[in-house]
Amino acid sequence: MFGEIINYFNYVMEYEYMQRAFLTSVIVGIICGAIGCFIILRGMALMGDAISHAVLPGVALSYVLGINFFFGAVVSGVLTTIGIGYISQNSRIKNDIAIGIMFTFAFSIGIIWVTLLKSSTDLYHILFGNLLVVRTSELWATFGIGVFVLVMIYLFYKELLVSSFDPTMSAAYGLPNKMIHYLLMILLTMVTVASIQTVGIVLVVAMLITPAATAYLLTDRLWIMIYLSSGFGALSSIVGLFFSNRFDLDSGATIVLTATSMFILAFIFSPKQGVLWRSIKSKSTKSLARG
């Protein structure tokens, strides 16, 4: 196995398209892990799923117009976010219902556009990703998004921390909770767009949630959680891409399965939250009580 790993990295170093795939997947793993922590803490997994689907109309239209899909996807994602907020704030419809309405609406429009416009867009690659066709311009765009997202998290870390754990206290401190929420949604949209080439629209929510959930089982401190989650995301990308190349499997699905495997290990063996250790502690407590 060690020899195969060495051969794999030699293969990556030899071919430029593999270098782009490798770097793109690692960057996506890091930024998905970082932004995913706030999605987990705010209980917004459904919103992450919604935005990942809502970018499809923008992606399809961008391909038709011959522009970078980043622009159309961001606009589509932001408009969907605004629509969700407007519906939930101006009617009896709750936020989760508004999310369900808007993301299925946007996703359906995207599918119809891809079908009717008969563009060169490959719907399969949009839905499930294709790392091996990442272009240099797309790699640099992903890198730029990654830097911007990480810088914004660093600059607004305290605001995101307080508003994520206690919105009431955040409001009492005079922090603009709505503005922070929409800032997070914009960052989430950008991360989603960056992830399309790696795991596709369908699987991007797994990269947003799974590494962060794994880190959540291992620590109670947010800054440690962000580091762990980003590390798990990057490691999932590296290991998943290796097995994808080794066994000729879909790269996006393999990366997600790798991330899920890490979660299962943490779920079982986590020192504080793992079911194995909790079971052992429970049995030990019962034995002492009987003694």
Protein backbone atom coordinates (compact mmCIF):
# COMPACT_ATOMS: atom_id res chain seq x y z
CA MET A 1 0.00 0.00 0.00
CA PHE A 2 2.85 2.41 0.85
CA GLY A 3 4.35 1.84 -2.58
CA GLU A 4 0.99 2.60 -4.22
CA ILE A 5 0.74 5.86 -2.27
CA ILE A 6 4.22 6.90 -3.45
CA ASN A 7 3.28 6.01 -7.03
CA TYR A 8 0.09 8.02 -6.70
CA PHE A 9 1.92 11.16 -5.60
CA ASN A 10 4.46 10.67 -8.37
CA TYR A 11 1.52 10.45 -10.76
CA VAL A 12 0.09 13.69 -9.33
CA MET A 13 3.42 15.46 -9.76
CA GLU A 14 3.79 14.21 -13.31
CA TYR A 15 0.47 15.32 -14.78
CA GLU A 16 -0.79 18.88 -14.61
CA TYR A 17 -4.48 17.96 -14.63
CA MET A 18 -3.93 15.78 -11.54
CA GLN A 19 -2.16 18.64 -9.80
CA ARG A 20 -5.15 20.90 -10.47
CA ALA A 21 -7.54 18.21 -9.24
CA PHE A 22 -5.48 17.61 -6.10
CA LEU A 23 -5.10 21.28 -5.17
CA THR A 24 -8.73 22.11 -5.92
CA SER A 25 -10.04 19.24 -3.80
CA VAL A 26 -7.81 20.20 -0.86
CA ILE A 27 -8.86 23.86 -0.99
CA VAL A 28 -12.53 22.88 -1.16
CA GLY A 29 -12.09 20.47 1.74
CA ILE A 30 -10.58 23.23 3.89
CA ILE A 31 -13.17 25.93 3.20
CA CYS A 32 -16.12 23.52 3.40
CA GLY A 33 -14.85 22.35 6.77
CA ALA A 34 -14.42 25.90 8.06
CA ILE A 35 -17.80 27.31 6.99
CA GLY A 36 -19.52 24.03 7.88
CA CYS A 37 -18.79 24.58 11.58
CA PHE A 38 -21.08 27.60 11.66
CA ILE A 39 -23.74 25.75 9.67
CA ILE A 40 -23.66 22.94 12.26
CA LEU A 41 -23.80 25.28 15.27
CA ARG A 42 -26.69 27.29 13.81
CA GLY A 43 -28.67 24.18 12.85
CA MET A 44 -28.71 25.27 9.21
CA ALA A 45 -27.94 22.00 7.43
CA LEU A 46 -31.13 22.37 5.39
CA MET A 47 -30.06 25.85 4.30
CA GLY A 48 -26.74 24.44 3.12
CA ASP A 49 -28.60 21.84 1.08
CA ALA A 50 -30.93 24.51 -0.29
CA ILE A 51 -28.17 26.82 -1.51
CA SER A 52 -26.24 23.94 -3.04
CA HIS A 53 -29.27 23.15 -5.19
CA ALA A 54 -30.28 26.76 -5.77
CA VAL A 55 -27.09 27.61 -7.68
CA LEU A 56 -28.02 25.30 -10.58
CA PRO A 57 -29.99 27.92 -12.58
CA GLY A 58 -27.07 30.32 -12.35
CA VAL A 59 -24.57 27.65 -13.39
CA ALA A 60 -26.65 26.60 -16.38
CA LEU A 61 -27.28 30.16 -17.55
CA SER A 62 -23.60 31.05 -17.16
CA TYR A 63 -22.60 28.22 -19.45
CA VAL A 64 -25.17 29.35 -22.02
CA LEU A 65 -23.94 32.97 -21.90
CA GLY A 66 -20.32 31.84 -22.10
CA ILE A 67 -19.27 33.41 -18.79
CA ASN A 68 -17.63 31.90 -15.73
CA PHE A 69 -20.24 29.87 -13.83
CA PHE A 70 -19.09 31.50 -10.57
CA PHE A 71 -20.96 34.74 -11.31
CA GLY A 72 -24.28 33.16 -12.21
CA ALA A 73 -24.13 30.68 -9.34
CA VAL A 74 -23.45 33.36 -6.72
CA VAL A 75 -26.29 35.54 -8.00
CA SER A 76 -28.66 32.58 -8.06
CA GLY A 77 -27.69 31.51 -4.54
CA VAL A 78 -27.98 35.01 -3.08
CA LEU A 79 -31.38 35.62 -4.72
CA THR A 80 -32.66 32.32 -3.30
CA THR A 81 -31.40 33.29 0.17
CA ILE A 82 -33.15 36.65 -0.06
CA GLY A 83 -36.32 34.92 -1.24
CA ILE A 84 -36.26 32.52 1.70
CA GLY A 85 -35.81 35.39 4.16
CA TYR A 86 -38.56 37.48 2.55
CA ILE A 87 -41.11 34.65 2.60
CA SER A 88 -40.42 33.65 6.21
CA GLN A 89 -40.44 37.25 7.47
CA ASN A 90 -43.57 38.39 5.63
CA SER A 91 -45.93 35.45 6.08
CA ARG A 92 -46.91 32.68 8.46
CA ILE A 93 -44.60 30.33 6.57
CA LYS A 94 -41.73 29.14 8.77
CA ASN A 95 -38.12 29.26 7.67
CA ASP A 96 -37.71 25.55 6.99
CA ILE A 97 -40.83 25.50 4.82
CA ALA A 98 -39.62 28.57 2.88
CA ILE A 99 -36.29 26.80 2.33
CA GLY A 100 -38.03 23.73 0.95
CA ILE A 101 -40.15 25.83 -1.41
CA MET A 102 -37.37 28.03 -2.74
CA PHE A 103 -34.62 25.47 -3.24
CA THR A 104 -36.85 22.99 -5.08
CA PHE A 105 -38.17 25.88 -7.20
CA ALA A 106 -34.65 27.05 -8.12
CA PHE A 107 -33.40 23.52 -8.74
CA SER A 108 -36.34 22.76 -11.02
CA ILE A 109 -35.74 25.92 -13.03
CA GLY A 110 -32.10 24.93 -13.44
CA ILE A 111 -32.98 21.48 -14.76
CA ILE A 112 -35.50 22.95 -17.22
CA TRP A 113 -32.97 25.49 -18.49
CA VAL A 114 -30.35 22.81 -19.03
CA THR A 115 -32.92 20.76 -20.95
CA LEU A 116 -34.59 23.47 -23.05
CA LEU A 117 -31.58 25.60 -23.89
CA LYS A 118 -29.70 22.54 -25.09
CA SER A 119 -26.40 24.04 -24.02
CA SER A 120 -23.10 22.24 -23.87
CA THR A 121 -23.53 21.96 -20.13
CA ASP A 122 -23.04 18.43 -18.87
CA LEU A 123 -25.72 18.08 -16.21
CA TYR A 124 -24.03 15.02 -14.75
CA HIS A 125 -20.83 16.94 -14.06
CA ILE A 126 -22.76 19.81 -12.50
CA LEU A 127 -24.68 17.46 -10.23
CA PHE A 128 -21.82 15.15 -9.23
CA GLY A 129 -18.63 17.06 -10.08
CA ASN A 130 -15.62 16.13 -12.19
CA LEU A 131 -12.26 17.01 -10.69
CA LEU A 132 -10.27 15.78 -13.66
CA VAL A 133 -11.53 18.55 -15.96
CA VAL A 134 -10.74 21.46 -13.63
CA ARG A 135 -9.06 24.24 -15.60
CA THR A 136 -6.30 26.51 -14.33
CA SER A 137 -8.67 29.50 -14.24
CA GLU A 138 -11.12 27.50 -12.11
CA LEU A 139 -8.33 26.47 -9.74
CA TRP A 140 -7.36 30.11 -9.25
CA ALA A 141 -11.02 31.07 -8.76
CA THR A 142 -11.35 28.37 -6.10
CA PHE A 143 -8.16 29.60 -4.44
CA GLY A 144 -9.46 33.18 -4.46
CA ILE A 145 -12.77 32.11 -2.93
CA GLY A 146 -10.91 30.10 -0.31
CA VAL A 147 -8.72 33.03 0.72
CA PHE A 148 -11.70 35.41 0.85
CA VAL A 149 -13.82 33.02 2.95
CA LEU A 150 -11.04 32.29 5.44
CA VAL A 151 -10.17 35.99 5.78
CA MET A 152 -13.82 36.87 6.43
CA ILE A 153 -14.09 34.15 9.08
CA TYR A 154 -10.94 35.50 10.72
CA LEU A 155 -12.13 39.12 10.66
CA PHE A 156 -15.66 38.38 11.91
CA TYR A 157 -14.84 35.41 14.13
CA LYS A 158 -16.13 36.97 17.37
CA GLU A 159 -19.36 38.15 15.76
CA LEU A 160 -19.97 34.74 14.19
CA LEU A 161 -19.12 33.04 17.48
CA VAL A 162 -21.52 35.05 19.63
CA SER A 163 -24.38 35.07 17.13
CA SER A 164 -24.04 31.32 16.53
CA PHE A 165 -24.17 30.33 20.21
CA ASP A 166 -26.53 32.99 21.60
CA PRO A 167 -28.41 35.26 19.16
CA THR A 168 -30.18 37.00 22.06
CA MET A 169 -26.90 38.01 23.69
CA SER A 170 -25.57 39.00 20.28
CA ALA A 171 -28.52 41.37 19.81
CA ALA A 172 -28.02 42.73 23.34
CA TYR A 173 -24.42 43.59 22.44
CA GLY A 174 -25.74 45.52 19.46
CA LEU A 175 -24.49 43.13 16.83
CA PRO A 176 -26.49 43.12 13.57
CA ASN A 177 -27.69 39.51 13.57
CA LYS A 178 -29.43 39.80 10.20
CA MET A 179 -26.35 41.22 8.53
CA ILE A 180 -24.20 38.48 10.06
CA HIS A 181 -26.70 35.90 8.84
CA TYR A 182 -26.62 37.21 5.27
CA LEU A 183 -22.82 37.47 5.36
CA LEU A 184 -22.71 33.80 6.32
CA MET A 185 -25.14 32.96 3.52
CA ILE A 186 -22.97 34.77 0.97
CA LEU A 187 -19.90 32.89 2.20
CA LEU A 188 -21.85 29.64 2.07
CA THR A 189 -22.92 30.38 -1.50
CA MET A 190 -19.31 31.07 -2.53
CA VAL A 191 -18.10 27.85 -0.91
CA THR A 192 -20.87 25.94 -2.66
CA VAL A 193 -19.85 27.38 -6.02
CA ALA A 194 -16.21 26.47 -5.37
CA SER A 195 -17.27 22.91 -4.53
CA ILE A 196 -19.26 22.22 -7.70
CA GLN A 197 -16.27 20.93 -9.66
CA THR A 198 -15.14 18.74 -6.76
CA VAL A 199 -18.24 16.93 -5.52
CA GLY A 200 -21.08 18.50 -7.50
CA ILE A 201 -24.30 20.12 -6.37
CA VAL A 202 -25.84 16.94 -5.00
CA LEU A 203 -22.95 16.01 -2.68
CA VAL A 204 -21.65 19.43 -1.62
CA VAL A 205 -23.84 19.46 1.49
CA ALA A 206 -22.00 16.34 2.69
CA MET A 207 -18.66 18.20 2.55
CA LEU A 208 -20.22 21.11 4.41
CA ILE A 209 -21.72 18.99 7.16
CA THR A 210 -19.75 15.76 7.63
CA PRO A 211 -16.24 17.09 8.47
CA ALA A 212 -17.78 19.71 10.78
CA ALA A 213 -19.95 17.07 12.48
CA THR A 214 -16.87 14.88 12.97
CA ALA A 215 -14.99 17.76 14.59
CA TYR A 216 -18.05 18.60 16.73
CA LEU A 217 -17.79 15.17 18.35
CA LEU A 218 -14.15 15.76 19.31
CA THR A 219 -14.05 19.23 20.88
CA ASP A 220 -16.12 21.88 22.67
CA ARG A 221 -14.07 24.85 21.43
CA LEU A 222 -15.05 26.54 18.19
CA TRP A 223 -11.56 27.51 17.02
CA ILE A 224 -10.34 23.95 17.53
CA MET A 225 -13.46 22.68 15.78
CA ILE A 226 -12.69 24.88 12.75
CA TYR A 227 -9.11 23.60 12.52
CA LEU A 228 -10.18 19.97 12.93
CA SER A 229 -13.04 20.30 10.46
CA SER A 230 -10.81 21.91 7.84
CA GLY A 231 -8.21 19.20 8.39
CA PHE A 232 -10.80 16.44 8.04
CA GLY A 233 -12.12 18.07 4.88
CA ALA A 234 -8.66 18.29 3.33
CA LEU A 235 -7.75 14.75 4.39
CA SER A 236 -11.02 13.41 2.98
CA SER A 237 -10.20 15.04 -0.34
CA ILE A 238 -6.67 13.61 -0.44
CA VAL A 239 -7.65 10.07 0.58
CA GLY A 240 -10.82 10.10 -1.53
CA LEU A 241 -8.95 11.24 -4.62
CA PHE A 242 -6.36 8.50 -4.05
CA PHE A 243 -8.97 5.73 -3.90
CA SER A 244 -10.85 7.28 -6.81
CA ASN A 245 -7.70 7.08 -8.91
CA ARG A 246 -6.72 3.65 -7.59
CA PHE A 247 -10.05 1.92 -8.26
CA ASP A 248 -11.41 4.14 -11.07
CA LEU A 249 -14.33 5.45 -9.01
CA ASP A 250 -16.25 8.73 -9.07
CA SER A 251 -14.07 11.26 -7.25
CA GLY A 252 -16.87 13.24 -5.58
CA ALA A 253 -18.62 10.18 -4.17
CA THR A 254 -15.31 8.69 -2.98
CA ILE A 255 -14.38 11.90 -1.16
CA VAL A 256 -17.76 12.00 0.57
CA LEU A 257 -17.51 8.32 1.57
CA THR A 258 -14.07 9.01 3.04
CA ALA A 259 -15.46 11.91 5.09
CA THR A 260 -18.34 9.72 6.27
CA SER A 261 -15.90 6.98 7.32
CA MET A 262 -14.07 9.52 9.50
CA PHE A 263 -17.37 10.54 11.05
CA ILE A 264 -18.24 6.93 11.86
CA LEU A 265 -14.86 6.45 13.57
CA ALA A 266 -15.39 9.61 15.64
CA PHE A 267 -18.98 8.58 16.41
CA ILE A 268 -17.73 5.28 17.85
CA PHE A 269 -14.37 6.16 19.39
CA SER A 270 -14.60 9.85 20.36
CA PRO A 271 -13.27 10.17 23.96
CA LYS A 272 -16.24 12.22 25.17
CA GLN A 273 -19.05 11.63 22.68
CA GLY A 274 -18.22 8.21 21.20
CA VAL A 275 -20.82 5.52 21.74
CA LEU A 276 -18.14 2.97 22.70
CA TRP A 277 -16.65 5.04 25.52
CA ARG A 278 -20.06 6.16 26.72
CA SER A 279 -21.13 2.53 26.87
CA ILE A 280 -18.02 1.63 28.86
CA LYS A 281 -18.55 4.53 31.26
CA SER A 282 -22.21 3.62 31.69
CA LYS A 283 -21.36 0.01 32.54
CA SER A 284 -18.63 1.17 34.91
CA THR A 285 -21.04 3.54 36.67
CA LYS A 286 -23.65 0.78 37.05
CA SER A 287 -21.03 -1.62 38.44
CA LEU A 288 -19.92 0.94 41.04
CA ALA A 289 -23.52 1.64 41.99
CA ARG A 290 -24.19 -2.06 42.54
CA GLY A 291 -20.96 -2.42 44.52
